[in-house]
């Protein structure tokens, strides 16, 4: 059942704040946390409890040491696959299908008269939210509803880590007309495991060497006759 049964609220400013909240919290971002808090309260597109959570997150990001919030962001979004903010990574991974999906999304933006900067990928969630903020409320909700299943996975991963950023993804789900309910997701492999170097030669005799303690293959090669020392070139 959709969370909102009435017409979708005007959420242009709220969507832009959510987009900024998911970007790297550099000095320029932290300088405007108070402005973002005011925008959320002025538009009131979200339930009061969600607004309180986002207000607390913005206060935290604005008041905490820069190194702490920046390293927290990197650890959360740049070093975790389940929390990746590039949507197609959750759907297509590194497969060839990701390219055509990117092109389709770029064309969606361009049909609306919007053109993506060269430094951004079209499936980056902050970009997606900024695009939604330019659309009329019904179209914005419909568009976000199409990505809600991916957003829910990211929300579930963040909630599992008890991260305050989970409130941002919960807000996106609510603006899409969905309930912010966590779903079961596959456990993420440890970073050391996912980055582990493969065993040299894979321990496979067909790749040049067998594992220690196993018989070593012997290759017999016929030796070509060598010319005698007295032979002339």
Protein backbone atom coordinates (compact mmCIF):
# COMPACT_ATOMS: atom_id res chain seq x y z
CA UNK A 1 0.00 0.00 0.00
CA UNK A 2 1.34 3.46 -0.87
CA UNK A 3 2.25 5.66 2.03
CA UNK A 4 0.44 8.67 0.56
CA UNK A 5 -3.07 8.13 -0.74
CA UNK A 6 -3.62 11.75 -1.78
CA UNK A 7 -1.89 13.71 -4.50
CA UNK A 8 1.90 13.67 -4.22
CA UNK A 9 3.23 16.68 -2.32
CA UNK A 10 5.32 19.42 -3.84
CA UNK A 11 8.81 18.24 -2.95
CA UNK A 12 11.13 20.15 -5.26
CA UNK A 13 13.29 21.58 -2.47
CA UNK A 14 13.14 18.39 -0.41
CA UNK A 15 14.41 16.28 -3.30
CA UNK A 16 17.30 18.66 -3.85
CA UNK A 17 18.22 18.56 -0.17
CA UNK A 18 18.13 14.75 -0.23
CA UNK A 19 20.35 14.79 -3.33
CA UNK A 20 22.87 17.03 -1.57
CA UNK A 21 22.76 14.89 1.56
CA UNK A 22 23.99 11.92 -0.45
CA UNK A 23 26.94 13.81 -1.90
CA UNK A 24 30.42 14.01 -0.39
CA UNK A 25 30.20 16.26 2.71
CA UNK A 26 32.94 18.72 1.80
CA UNK A 27 33.36 22.23 3.21
CA UNK A 28 30.91 23.76 0.69
CA UNK A 29 28.25 21.25 1.72
CA UNK A 30 28.78 21.82 5.44
CA UNK A 31 28.51 25.59 4.98
CA UNK A 32 24.88 25.19 3.87
CA UNK A 33 23.52 22.62 6.31
CA UNK A 34 21.43 25.27 8.08
CA UNK A 35 19.92 26.35 4.74
CA UNK A 36 19.02 22.75 3.95
CA UNK A 37 17.37 22.28 7.32
CA UNK A 38 15.27 25.39 6.73
CA UNK A 39 14.24 24.19 3.26
CA UNK A 40 13.02 20.85 4.60
CA UNK A 41 11.00 22.50 7.36
CA UNK A 42 9.52 25.09 5.00
CA UNK A 43 8.31 22.60 2.40
CA UNK A 44 7.14 19.92 4.88
CA UNK A 45 6.89 17.26 2.19
CA UNK A 46 7.84 14.52 4.67
CA UNK A 47 6.32 13.23 7.91
CA UNK A 48 7.39 15.05 11.08
CA UNK A 49 9.35 12.06 12.40
CA UNK A 50 11.38 11.84 9.17
CA UNK A 51 12.04 15.58 9.19
CA UNK A 52 13.38 15.27 12.74
CA UNK A 53 15.78 12.51 11.66
CA UNK A 54 17.06 14.52 8.70
CA UNK A 55 17.43 17.60 10.89
CA UNK A 56 19.56 15.60 13.32
CA UNK A 57 21.71 14.26 10.47
CA UNK A 58 22.29 17.75 9.06
CA UNK A 59 23.23 19.04 12.52
CA UNK A 60 25.67 16.16 12.90
CA UNK A 61 27.28 16.78 9.51
CA UNK A 62 27.53 20.51 10.12
CA UNK A 63 28.95 20.35 13.64
CA UNK A 64 31.24 17.30 13.56
CA UNK A 65 34.94 17.51 12.62
CA UNK A 66 35.36 17.56 8.84
CA UNK A 67 37.72 14.59 8.78
CA UNK A 68 35.25 12.47 10.74
CA UNK A 69 32.23 13.07 8.50
CA UNK A 70 34.27 12.75 5.31
CA UNK A 71 35.89 9.47 6.33
CA UNK A 72 32.51 8.17 7.50
CA UNK A 73 31.04 8.94 4.07
CA UNK A 74 33.88 7.23 2.21
CA UNK A 75 33.71 4.14 4.41
CA UNK A 76 29.96 3.92 3.97
CA UNK A 77 29.38 4.66 0.29
CA UNK A 78 32.72 4.13 -1.46
CA UNK A 79 33.77 0.89 0.24
CA UNK A 80 30.50 -1.00 0.29
CA UNK A 81 28.73 -2.70 -2.60
CA UNK A 82 25.33 -2.88 -0.93
CA UNK A 83 25.44 0.85 -0.16
CA UNK A 84 26.73 1.98 -3.56
CA UNK A 85 24.89 5.06 -4.80
CA UNK A 86 25.20 4.13 -8.49
CA UNK A 87 21.88 2.41 -9.06
CA UNK A 88 22.78 0.24 -12.03
CA UNK A 89 25.61 -1.33 -10.06
CA UNK A 90 22.91 -3.09 -8.03
CA UNK A 91 21.12 -4.26 -11.17
CA UNK A 92 23.73 -4.85 -13.84
CA UNK A 93 27.04 -4.84 -11.98
CA UNK A 94 29.85 -4.60 -14.54
CA UNK A 95 27.93 -6.40 -17.26
CA UNK A 96 27.46 -5.06 -20.77
CA UNK A 97 23.83 -4.27 -19.99
CA UNK A 98 24.91 -1.32 -17.87
CA UNK A 99 25.99 0.74 -20.90
CA UNK A 100 22.63 0.67 -22.74
CA UNK A 101 20.82 1.37 -19.46
CA UNK A 102 23.02 4.44 -18.97
CA UNK A 103 22.21 5.67 -22.46
CA UNK A 104 18.48 5.23 -21.90
CA UNK A 105 18.66 7.26 -18.69
CA UNK A 106 20.66 10.04 -20.34
CA UNK A 107 18.03 10.20 -23.08
CA UNK A 108 15.33 10.51 -20.41
CA UNK A 109 17.14 13.53 -19.01
CA UNK A 110 17.67 15.08 -22.42
CA UNK A 111 14.01 14.69 -23.40
CA UNK A 112 13.22 16.82 -20.35
CA UNK A 113 15.69 19.46 -21.59
CA UNK A 114 18.41 18.57 -19.07
CA UNK A 115 21.97 17.68 -19.96
CA UNK A 116 24.39 15.82 -17.71
CA UNK A 117 27.79 17.23 -16.87
CA UNK A 118 30.83 15.26 -17.95
CA UNK A 119 31.85 14.53 -14.35
CA UNK A 120 28.59 12.75 -13.42
CA UNK A 121 27.15 9.34 -14.22
CA UNK A 122 23.41 9.26 -14.95
CA UNK A 123 22.64 6.47 -12.45
CA UNK A 124 24.24 8.29 -9.50
CA UNK A 125 21.39 8.64 -7.00
CA UNK A 126 21.97 12.36 -6.25
CA UNK A 127 21.73 13.04 -10.01
CA UNK A 128 18.54 10.97 -10.24
CA UNK A 129 16.99 12.92 -7.34
CA UNK A 130 17.96 16.28 -8.81
CA UNK A 131 16.28 15.26 -12.07
CA UNK A 132 13.14 14.23 -10.17
CA UNK A 133 13.11 17.64 -8.48
CA UNK A 134 12.61 19.30 -11.88
CA UNK A 135 9.51 17.25 -12.72
CA UNK A 136 5.87 17.88 -11.73
CA UNK A 137 4.95 15.97 -8.54
CA UNK A 138 3.01 13.13 -10.25
CA UNK A 139 5.80 12.46 -12.75
CA UNK A 140 8.45 12.76 -10.06
CA UNK A 141 6.70 10.17 -7.89
CA UNK A 142 6.22 7.80 -10.84
CA UNK A 143 9.88 8.15 -11.82
CA UNK A 144 11.10 7.44 -8.28
CA UNK A 145 8.69 4.54 -8.01
CA UNK A 146 10.58 2.86 -10.84
CA UNK A 147 13.80 2.87 -8.81
CA UNK A 148 12.20 2.19 -5.42
CA UNK A 149 13.26 -1.47 -5.36
CA UNK A 150 16.91 -0.44 -5.67
CA UNK A 151 16.57 2.37 -3.13
CA UNK A 152 15.04 -0.13 -0.70
CA UNK A 153 18.13 -2.36 -0.96
CA UNK A 154 20.42 0.57 -0.14
CA UNK A 155 18.11 1.65 2.68
CA UNK A 156 18.14 -1.87 4.12
CA UNK A 157 21.95 -2.01 4.03
CA UNK A 158 22.24 1.37 5.75
CA UNK A 159 19.63 0.44 8.34
CA UNK A 160 21.54 -2.78 9.01
CA UNK A 161 24.61 -0.68 9.78
CA UNK A 162 22.51 1.63 11.96
CA UNK A 163 23.65 4.58 9.86
CA UNK A 164 21.77 7.89 10.17
CA UNK A 165 22.02 8.11 6.37
CA UNK A 166 19.27 5.48 6.28
CA UNK A 167 16.80 8.30 6.97
CA UNK A 168 17.71 9.89 3.62
CA UNK A 169 16.86 6.73 1.68
CA UNK A 170 13.72 6.30 3.78
CA UNK A 171 12.66 9.79 2.75
CA UNK A 172 13.21 8.94 -0.92
CA UNK A 173 11.00 5.87 -0.55
CA UNK A 174 8.27 7.92 1.12
CA UNK A 175 8.32 10.51 -1.64
CA UNK A 176 7.97 7.64 -4.11
CA UNK A 177 4.79 6.62 -2.32
CA UNK A 178 6.41 3.60 -0.66
CA UNK A 179 6.86 2.51 2.93
CA UNK A 180 10.39 2.59 4.29
CA UNK A 181 10.60 -1.07 5.20
CA UNK A 182 13.84 -3.01 5.24
CA UNK A 183 14.16 -6.19 3.22
CA UNK A 184 16.52 -9.12 3.61
CA UNK A 185 19.69 -8.71 1.56
CA UNK A 186 22.60 -11.05 0.99
CA UNK A 187 25.52 -10.45 3.36
CA UNK A 188 28.33 -8.40 1.90
CA UNK A 189 31.76 -10.08 1.75
CA UNK A 190 34.46 -8.66 3.96
CA UNK A 191 36.61 -6.03 2.24
CA UNK A 192 39.75 -8.14 2.75
CA UNK A 193 38.03 -11.11 1.13
CA UNK A 194 36.68 -9.17 -1.87
CA UNK A 195 40.07 -7.59 -2.51
CA UNK A 196 42.14 -10.74 -1.81
CA UNK A 197 44.77 -11.63 -4.38
CA UNK A 198 44.18 -14.99 -6.08
CA UNK A 199 46.57 -17.80 -5.24
CA UNK A 200 49.61 -17.78 -7.48
CA UNK A 201 48.84 -19.87 -10.59
CA UNK A 202 45.61 -20.94 -8.86
CA UNK A 203 47.46 -24.05 -7.58
CA UNK A 204 46.59 -25.66 -10.87
CA UNK A 205 49.12 -27.85 -12.66
CA UNK A 206 47.72 -26.83 -16.04
CA UNK A 207 48.73 -23.25 -15.22
CA UNK A 208 52.34 -24.12 -14.56
CA UNK A 209 52.57 -25.51 -11.05
CA UNK A 210 50.83 -27.90 -8.68
CA UNK A 211 50.15 -27.23 -5.03
CA UNK A 212 52.92 -28.17 -2.56
CA UNK A 213 52.92 -31.87 -1.72
CA UNK A 214 51.35 -32.86 -5.01
CA UNK A 215 53.19 -34.63 -7.85
CA UNK A 216 54.87 -32.16 -10.16
CA UNK A 217 54.28 -32.67 -13.90
CA UNK A 218 57.27 -33.52 -16.04
CA UNK A 219 57.32 -32.27 -19.59
CA UNK A 220 59.63 -34.14 -21.99
CA UNK A 221 60.73 -32.02 -24.92
CA UNK A 222 62.67 -33.44 -27.83
CA UNK A 223 65.99 -31.67 -28.11
CA UNK A 224 66.89 -30.37 -31.54
CA UNK A 225 70.20 -31.70 -32.94
CA UNK A 226 73.03 -29.25 -32.38
CA UNK A 227 75.56 -28.60 -35.16
CA UNK A 228 79.06 -29.92 -34.46
CA UNK A 229 81.66 -27.41 -33.42
CA UNK A 230 83.52 -27.88 -36.66
CA UNK A 231 80.52 -27.11 -38.83
CA UNK A 232 80.67 -23.96 -40.87
CA UNK A 233 77.78 -21.50 -40.89
